[in-house]
Amino acid sequence: MVMPSLSFEDSRRRMAAETSAFIAWGLAHPDQVQWIPKRPIDTGGFSRQATFVFWTPVLGLSMQRPLTWLRRLLRR
């Protein structure tokens, strides 16, 4: 099935409505929610290079820009 092309505003409203419905359902049925495991940020799991490669485009940073603030954040 091909979805019709939606405007940005229509897509945004639809995503917000779907997210809201899912959250409401999850709160009403906590026994049926699949929990996502979490771990404290300072326990590691990813190399510094993997962290850099992920966060640089996510945060809109230039590869040339110093990442001293990110390094400080990762040390916490």
PDB file of N, CA and C in Angstrom:
ATOM      1  N   MET A   1       0.842  -1.187   0.000  1.00  0.00           N
ATOM      2  CA  MET A   1       0.000   0.000   0.000  1.00  0.00           C
ATOM      3  C   MET A   1       0.881   1.242   0.000  1.00  0.00           C
ATOM      4  N   VAL A   2       0.629   2.152  -0.901  1.00  0.00           N
ATOM      5  CA  VAL A   2       1.392   3.386  -1.005  1.00  0.00           C
ATOM      6  C   VAL A   2       0.669   4.481  -0.232  1.00  0.00           C
ATOM      7  N   MET A   3       1.417   5.131   0.668  1.00  0.00           N
ATOM      8  CA  MET A   3       0.828   6.216   1.458  1.00  0.00           C
ATOM      9  C   MET A   3       0.792   7.493   0.621  1.00  0.00           C
ATOM     10  N   PRO A   4      -0.280   8.260   0.720  1.00  0.00           N
ATOM     11  CA  PRO A   4      -0.316   9.537   0.000  1.00  0.00           C
ATOM     12  C   PRO A   4       0.713  10.497   0.584  1.00  0.00           C
ATOM     13  N   SER A   5       1.209  11.368  -0.241  1.00  0.00           N
ATOM     14  CA  SER A   5       2.193  12.347   0.208  1.00  0.00           C
ATOM     15  C   SER A   5       1.500  13.380   1.104  1.00  0.00           C
ATOM     16  N   LEU A   6       2.041  13.563   2.301  1.00  0.00           N
ATOM     17  CA  LEU A   6       1.465  14.514   3.257  1.00  0.00           C
ATOM     18  C   LEU A   6       2.357  15.737   3.362  1.00  0.00           C
ATOM     19  N   SER A   7       1.745  16.858   3.679  1.00  0.00           N
ATOM     20  CA  SER A   7       2.537  18.060   3.919  1.00  0.00           C
ATOM     21  C   SER A   7       3.289  17.889   5.229  1.00  0.00           C
ATOM     22  N   PHE A   8       4.277  18.730   5.448  1.00  0.00           N
ATOM     23  CA  PHE A   8       5.043  18.658   6.690  1.00  0.00           C
ATOM     24  C   PHE A   8       4.125  18.803   7.896  1.00  0.00           C
ATOM     25  N   GLU A   9       3.231  19.764   7.861  1.00  0.00           N
ATOM     26  CA  GLU A   9       2.318  19.996   8.994  1.00  0.00           C
ATOM     27  C   GLU A   9       1.421  18.791   9.232  1.00  0.00           C
ATOM     28  N   ASP A  10       0.899  18.198   8.157  1.00  0.00           N
ATOM     29  CA  ASP A  10       0.053  17.010   8.306  1.00  0.00           C
ATOM     30  C   ASP A  10       0.846  15.844   8.878  1.00  0.00           C
ATOM     31  N   SER A  11       2.085  15.665   8.410  1.00  0.00           N
ATOM     32  CA  SER A  11       2.945  14.599   8.937  1.00  0.00           C
ATOM     33  C   SER A  11       3.247  14.826  10.407  1.00  0.00           C
ATOM     34  N   ARG A  12       3.534  16.072  10.760  1.00  0.00           N
ATOM     35  CA  ARG A  12       3.841  16.409  12.154  1.00  0.00           C
ATOM     36  C   ARG A  12       2.641  16.121  13.048  1.00  0.00           C
ATOM     37  N   ARG A  13       1.468  16.535  12.619  1.00  0.00           N
ATOM     38  CA  ARG A  13       0.254  16.291  13.404  1.00  0.00           C
ATOM     39  C   ARG A  13      -0.009  14.786  13.548  1.00  0.00           C
ATOM     40  N   ARG A  14       0.177  14.055  12.460  1.00  0.00           N
ATOM     41  CA  ARG A  14      -0.059  12.616  12.500  1.00  0.00           C
ATOM     42  C   ARG A  14       0.917  11.928  13.458  1.00  0.00           C
ATOM     43  N   MET A  15       2.205  12.290  13.378  1.00  0.00           N
ATOM     44  CA  MET A  15       3.194  11.690  14.280  1.00  0.00           C
ATOM     45  C   MET A  15       2.892  12.028  15.732  1.00  0.00           C
ATOM     46  N   ALA A  16       2.500  13.277  15.992  1.00  0.00           N
ATOM     47  CA  ALA A  16       2.167  13.676  17.364  1.00  0.00           C
ATOM     48  C   ALA A  16       0.946  12.900  17.866  1.00  0.00           C
ATOM     49  N   ALA A  17      -0.060  12.723  17.010  1.00  0.00           N
ATOM     50  CA  ALA A  17      -1.267  11.990  17.405  1.00  0.00           C
ATOM     51  C   ALA A  17      -0.951  10.518  17.666  1.00  0.00           C
ATOM     52  N   GLU A  18      -0.132   9.906  16.788  1.00  0.00           N
ATOM     53  CA  GLU A  18       0.241   8.503  16.989  1.00  0.00           C
ATOM     54  C   GLU A  18       1.058   8.322  18.262  1.00  0.00           C
ATOM     55  N   THR A  19       1.986   9.241  18.496  1.00  0.00           N
ATOM     56  CA  THR A  19       2.813   9.167  19.706  1.00  0.00           C
ATOM     57  C   THR A  19       1.954   9.328  20.947  1.00  0.00           C
ATOM     58  N   SER A  20       1.039  10.290  20.912  1.00  0.00           N
ATOM     59  CA  SER A  20       0.145  10.523  22.039  1.00  0.00           C
ATOM     60  C   SER A  20      -0.718   9.292  22.315  1.00  0.00           C
ATOM     61  N   ALA A  21      -1.254   8.689  21.263  1.00  0.00           N
ATOM     62  CA  ALA A  21      -2.096   7.496  21.440  1.00  0.00           C
ATOM     63  C   ALA A  21      -1.274   6.343  22.023  1.00  0.00           C
ATOM     64  N   PHE A  22      -0.032   6.186  21.558  1.00  0.00           N
ATOM     65  CA  PHE A  22       0.810   5.112  22.072  1.00  0.00           C
ATOM     66  C   PHE A  22       1.148   5.333  23.548  1.00  0.00           C
ATOM     67  N   ILE A  23       1.484   6.560  23.910  1.00  0.00           N
ATOM     68  CA  ILE A  23       1.803   6.856  25.311  1.00  0.00           C
ATOM     69  C   ILE A  23       0.583   6.618  26.191  1.00  0.00           C
ATOM     70  N   ALA A  24      -0.579   7.073  25.744  1.00  0.00           N
ATOM     71  CA  ALA A  24      -1.809   6.865  26.527  1.00  0.00           C
ATOM     72  C   ALA A  24      -2.079   5.369  26.693  1.00  0.00           C
ATOM     73  N   TRP A  25      -1.910   4.592  25.619  1.00  0.00           N
ATOM     74  CA  TRP A  25      -2.113   3.148  25.700  1.00  0.00           C
ATOM     75  C   TRP A  25      -1.109   2.519  26.664  1.00  0.00           C
ATOM     76  N   GLY A  26       0.160   2.923  26.563  1.00  0.00           N
ATOM     77  CA  GLY A  26       1.191   2.372  27.432  1.00  0.00           C
ATOM     78  C   GLY A  26       0.935   2.667  28.902  1.00  0.00           C
ATOM     79  N   LEU A  27       0.453   3.861  29.192  1.00  0.00           N
ATOM     80  CA  LEU A  27       0.134   4.213  30.583  1.00  0.00           C
ATOM     81  C   LEU A  27      -1.066   3.427  31.095  1.00  0.00           C
ATOM     82  N   ALA A  28      -1.998   3.130  30.196  1.00  0.00           N
ATOM     83  CA  ALA A  28      -3.179   2.365  30.588  1.00  0.00           C
ATOM     84  C   ALA A  28      -2.894   0.868  30.700  1.00  0.00           C
ATOM     85  N   HIS A  29      -1.852   0.392  30.025  1.00  0.00           N
ATOM     86  CA  HIS A  29      -1.514  -1.036  29.996  1.00  0.00           C
ATOM     87  C   HIS A  29      -0.025  -1.254  30.275  1.00  0.00           C
ATOM     88  N   PRO A  30       0.463  -0.880  31.447  1.00  0.00           N
ATOM     89  CA  PRO A  30       1.910  -0.981  31.708  1.00  0.00           C
ATOM     90  C   PRO A  30       2.431  -2.418  31.653  1.00  0.00           C
ATOM     91  N   ASP A  31       1.554  -3.401  31.873  1.00  0.00           N
ATOM     92  CA  ASP A  31       1.971  -4.804  31.824  1.00  0.00           C
ATOM     93  C   ASP A  31       2.241  -5.286  30.399  1.00  0.00           C
ATOM     94  N   GLN A  32       1.815  -4.522  29.394  1.00  0.00           N
ATOM     95  CA  GLN A  32       2.006  -4.919  28.000  1.00  0.00           C
ATOM     96  C   GLN A  32       3.083  -4.112  27.286  1.00  0.00           C
ATOM     97  N   VAL A  33       3.710  -3.215  28.007  1.00  0.00           N
ATOM     98  CA  VAL A  33       4.738  -2.358  27.405  1.00  0.00           C
ATOM     99  C   VAL A  33       6.071  -3.087  27.395  1.00  0.00           C
ATOM    100  N   GLN A  34       6.762  -3.031  26.253  1.00  0.00           N
ATOM    101  CA  GLN A  34       8.103  -3.600  26.153  1.00  0.00           C
ATOM    102  C   GLN A  34       9.085  -2.549  26.680  1.00  0.00           C
ATOM    103  N   TRP A  35       9.729  -2.850  27.796  1.00  0.00           N
ATOM    104  CA  TRP A  35      10.669  -1.899  28.385  1.00  0.00           C
ATOM    105  C   TRP A  35      11.992  -1.943  27.651  1.00  0.00           C
ATOM    106  N   ILE A  36      12.570  -0.806  27.424  1.00  0.00           N
ATOM    107  CA  ILE A  36      13.877  -0.705  26.776  1.00  0.00           C
ATOM    108  C   ILE A  36      14.911  -0.628  27.882  1.00  0.00           C
ATOM    109  N   PRO A  37      15.881  -1.542  27.880  1.00  0.00           N
ATOM    110  CA  PRO A  37      16.887  -1.497  28.940  1.00  0.00           C
ATOM    111  C   PRO A  37      17.706  -0.213  28.863  1.00  0.00           C
ATOM    112  N   LYS A  38      18.144   0.237  30.012  1.00  0.00           N
ATOM    113  CA  LYS A  38      18.955   1.455  30.049  1.00  0.00           C
ATOM    114  C   LYS A  38      20.162   1.205  30.931  1.00  0.00           C
ATOM    115  N   ARG A  39      21.161   2.018  30.759  1.00  0.00           N
ATOM    116  CA  ARG A  39      22.325   1.950  31.629  1.00  0.00           C
ATOM    117  C   ARG A  39      22.865   3.353  31.809  1.00  0.00           C
ATOM    118  N   PRO A  40      23.471   3.609  32.951  1.00  0.00           N
ATOM    119  CA  PRO A  40      23.999   4.952  33.205  1.00  0.00           C
ATOM    120  C   PRO A  40      25.007   5.350  32.126  1.00  0.00           C
ATOM    121  N   ILE A  41      25.014   6.624  31.799  1.00  0.00           N
ATOM    122  CA  ILE A  41      25.858   7.118  30.719  1.00  0.00           C
ATOM    123  C   ILE A  41      27.342   6.891  30.991  1.00  0.00           C
ATOM    124  N   ASP A  42      27.739   6.869  32.243  1.00  0.00           N
ATOM    125  CA  ASP A  42      29.163   6.753  32.553  1.00  0.00           C
ATOM    126  C   ASP A  42      29.650   5.306  32.598  1.00  0.00           C
ATOM    127  N   THR A  43      28.799   4.343  32.255  1.00  0.00           N
ATOM    128  CA  THR A  43      29.236   2.946  32.284  1.00  0.00           C
ATOM    129  C   THR A  43      29.879   2.527  30.969  1.00  0.00           C
ATOM    130  N   GLY A  44      29.874   3.399  29.994  1.00  0.00           N
ATOM    131  CA  GLY A  44      30.537   3.086  28.727  1.00  0.00           C
ATOM    132  C   GLY A  44      29.673   2.248  27.816  1.00  0.00           C
ATOM    133  N   GLY A  45      30.329   1.526  26.948  1.00  0.00           N
ATOM    134  CA  GLY A  45      29.613   0.704  25.995  1.00  0.00           C
ATOM    135  C   GLY A  45      29.979   1.045  24.565  1.00  0.00           C
ATOM    136  N   PHE A  46      30.317   2.284  24.300  1.00  0.00           N
ATOM    137  CA  PHE A  46      30.722   2.701  22.968  1.00  0.00           C
ATOM    138  C   PHE A  46      32.070   3.396  23.055  1.00  0.00           C
ATOM    139  N   SER A  47      32.878   3.189  22.033  1.00  0.00           N
ATOM    140  CA  SER A  47      34.182   3.856  22.003  1.00  0.00           C
ATOM    141  C   SER A  47      33.982   5.351  21.810  1.00  0.00           C
ATOM    142  N   ARG A  48      34.994   6.111  22.112  1.00  0.00           N
ATOM    143  CA  ARG A  48      34.913   7.566  21.901  1.00  0.00           C
ATOM    144  C   ARG A  48      34.685   7.878  20.427  1.00  0.00           C
ATOM    145  N   GLN A  49      35.305   7.113  19.549  1.00  0.00           N
ATOM    146  CA  GLN A  49      35.127   7.350  18.112  1.00  0.00           C
ATOM    147  C   GLN A  49      33.679   7.097  17.693  1.00  0.00           C
ATOM    148  N   ALA A  50      33.079   6.009  18.182  1.00  0.00           N
ATOM    149  CA  ALA A  50      31.681   5.718  17.852  1.00  0.00           C
ATOM    150  C   ALA A  50      30.769   6.820  18.392  1.00  0.00           C
ATOM    151  N   THR A  51      31.068   7.284  19.587  1.00  0.00           N
ATOM    152  CA  THR A  51      30.291   8.380  20.178  1.00  0.00           C
ATOM    153  C   THR A  51      30.394   9.630  19.318  1.00  0.00           C
ATOM    154  N   PHE A  52      31.585   9.946  18.892  1.00  0.00           N
ATOM    155  CA  PHE A  52      31.833  11.120  18.053  1.00  0.00           C
ATOM    156  C   PHE A  52      31.084  11.000  16.728  1.00  0.00           C
ATOM    157  N   VAL A  53      31.199   9.835  16.090  1.00  0.00           N
ATOM    158  CA  VAL A  53      30.552   9.621  14.791  1.00  0.00           C
ATOM    159  C   VAL A  53      29.034   9.739  14.926  1.00  0.00           C
ATOM    160  N   PHE A  54      28.456   9.269  16.029  1.00  0.00           N
ATOM    161  CA  PHE A  54      27.007   9.367  16.226  1.00  0.00           C
ATOM    162  C   PHE A  54      26.563  10.794  16.530  1.00  0.00           C
ATOM    163  N   TRP A  55      27.178  11.423  17.545  1.00  0.00           N
ATOM    164  CA  TRP A  55      26.688  12.709  18.038  1.00  0.00           C
ATOM    165  C   TRP A  55      27.003  13.887  17.132  1.00  0.00           C
ATOM    166  N   THR A  56      28.068  13.824  16.354  1.00  0.00           N
ATOM    167  CA  THR A  56      28.431  14.955  15.501  1.00  0.00           C
ATOM    168  C   THR A  56      27.301  15.328  14.541  1.00  0.00           C
ATOM    169  N   PRO A  57      26.790  14.401  13.719  1.00  0.00           N
ATOM    170  CA  PRO A  57      25.678  14.803  12.841  1.00  0.00           C
ATOM    171  C   PRO A  57      24.373  15.039  13.589  1.00  0.00           C
ATOM    172  N   VAL A  58      24.136  14.302  14.675  1.00  0.00           N
ATOM    173  CA  VAL A  58      22.893  14.467  15.435  1.00  0.00           C
ATOM    174  C   VAL A  58      22.794  15.883  15.987  1.00  0.00           C
ATOM    175  N   LEU A  59      23.909  16.389  16.494  1.00  0.00           N
ATOM    176  CA  LEU A  59      23.908  17.722  17.096  1.00  0.00           C
ATOM    177  C   LEU A  59      24.235  18.817  16.085  1.00  0.00           C
ATOM    178  N   GLY A  60      24.425  18.432  14.828  1.00  0.00           N
ATOM    179  CA  GLY A  60      24.691  19.413  13.781  1.00  0.00           C
ATOM    180  C   GLY A  60      26.046  20.065  13.906  1.00  0.00           C
ATOM    181  N   LEU A  61      27.010  19.343  14.399  1.00  0.00           N
ATOM    182  CA  LEU A  61      28.340  19.902  14.574  1.00  0.00           C
ATOM    183  C   LEU A  61      29.190  19.678  13.342  1.00  0.00           C
ATOM    184  N   SER A  62      30.105  20.578  13.124  1.00  0.00           N
ATOM    185  CA  SER A  62      31.089  20.396  12.065  1.00  0.00           C
ATOM    186  C   SER A  62      32.153  19.442  12.576  1.00  0.00           C
ATOM    187  N   MET A  63      32.715  18.638  11.699  1.00  0.00           N
ATOM    188  CA  MET A  63      33.777  17.718  12.101  1.00  0.00           C
ATOM    189  C   MET A  63      35.031  18.498  12.531  1.00  0.00           C
ATOM    190  N   GLN A  64      35.149  19.738  12.106  1.00  0.00           N
ATOM    191  CA  GLN A  64      36.321  20.543  12.427  1.00  0.00           C
ATOM    192  C   GLN A  64      36.195  21.222  13.806  1.00  0.00           C
ATOM    193  N   ARG A  65      34.989  21.374  14.284  1.00  0.00           N
ATOM    194  CA  ARG A  65      34.725  22.142  15.512  1.00  0.00           C
ATOM    195  C   ARG A  65      35.207  21.378  16.755  1.00  0.00           C
ATOM    196  N   PRO A  66      35.845  22.058  17.677  1.00  0.00           N
ATOM    197  CA  PRO A  66      36.297  21.382  18.903  1.00  0.00           C
ATOM    198  C   PRO A  66      35.107  20.838  19.700  1.00  0.00           C
ATOM    199  N   LEU A  67      35.281  19.679  20.270  1.00  0.00           N
ATOM    200  CA  LEU A  67      34.197  19.045  21.019  1.00  0.00           C
ATOM    201  C   LEU A  67      34.495  19.005  22.515  1.00  0.00           C
ATOM    202  N   THR A  68      35.068  20.062  23.032  1.00  0.00           N
ATOM    203  CA  THR A  68      35.420  20.061  24.449  1.00  0.00           C
ATOM    204  C   THR A  68      34.182  19.905  25.323  1.00  0.00           C
ATOM    205  N   TRP A  69      33.077  20.526  24.957  1.00  0.00           N
ATOM    206  CA  TRP A  69      31.851  20.399  25.769  1.00  0.00           C
ATOM    207  C   TRP A  69      31.339  18.966  25.755  1.00  0.00           C
ATOM    208  N   LEU A  70      31.459  18.264  24.601  1.00  0.00           N
ATOM    209  CA  LEU A  70      31.004  16.880  24.531  1.00  0.00           C
ATOM    210  C   LEU A  70      31.920  15.982  25.358  1.00  0.00           C
ATOM    211  N   ARG A  71      33.198  16.254  25.314  1.00  0.00           N
ATOM    212  CA  ARG A  71      34.139  15.468  26.117  1.00  0.00           C
ATOM    213  C   ARG A  71      33.833  15.637  27.598  1.00  0.00           C
ATOM    214  N   ARG A  72      33.540  16.867  28.012  1.00  0.00           N
ATOM    215  CA  ARG A  72      33.182  17.115  29.414  1.00  0.00           C
ATOM    216  C   ARG A  72      31.911  16.361  29.785  1.00  0.00           C
ATOM    217  N   LEU A  73      30.930  16.360  28.896  1.00  0.00           N
ATOM    218  CA  LEU A  73      29.670  15.658  29.139  1.00  0.00           C
ATOM    219  C   LEU A  73      29.913  14.153  29.308  1.00  0.00           C
ATOM    220  N   LEU A  74      30.763  13.592  28.469  1.00  0.00           N
ATOM    221  CA  LEU A  74      31.025  12.149  28.526  1.00  0.00           C
ATOM    222  C   LEU A  74      31.776  11.737  29.779  1.00  0.00           C
ATOM    223  N   ARG A  75      32.506  12.647  30.394  1.00  0.00           N
ATOM    224  CA  ARG A  75      33.237  12.338  31.626  1.00  0.00           C
ATOM    225  C   ARG A  75      32.337  12.283  32.844  1.00  0.00           C
ATOM    226  N   ARG A  76      31.138  12.845  32.735  1.00  0.00           N
ATOM    227  CA  ARG A  76      30.225  12.880  33.899  1.00  0.00           C
ATOM    228  C   ARG A  76      29.712  11.513  34.227  1.00  0.00           C
TER     229      ARG A  76
END
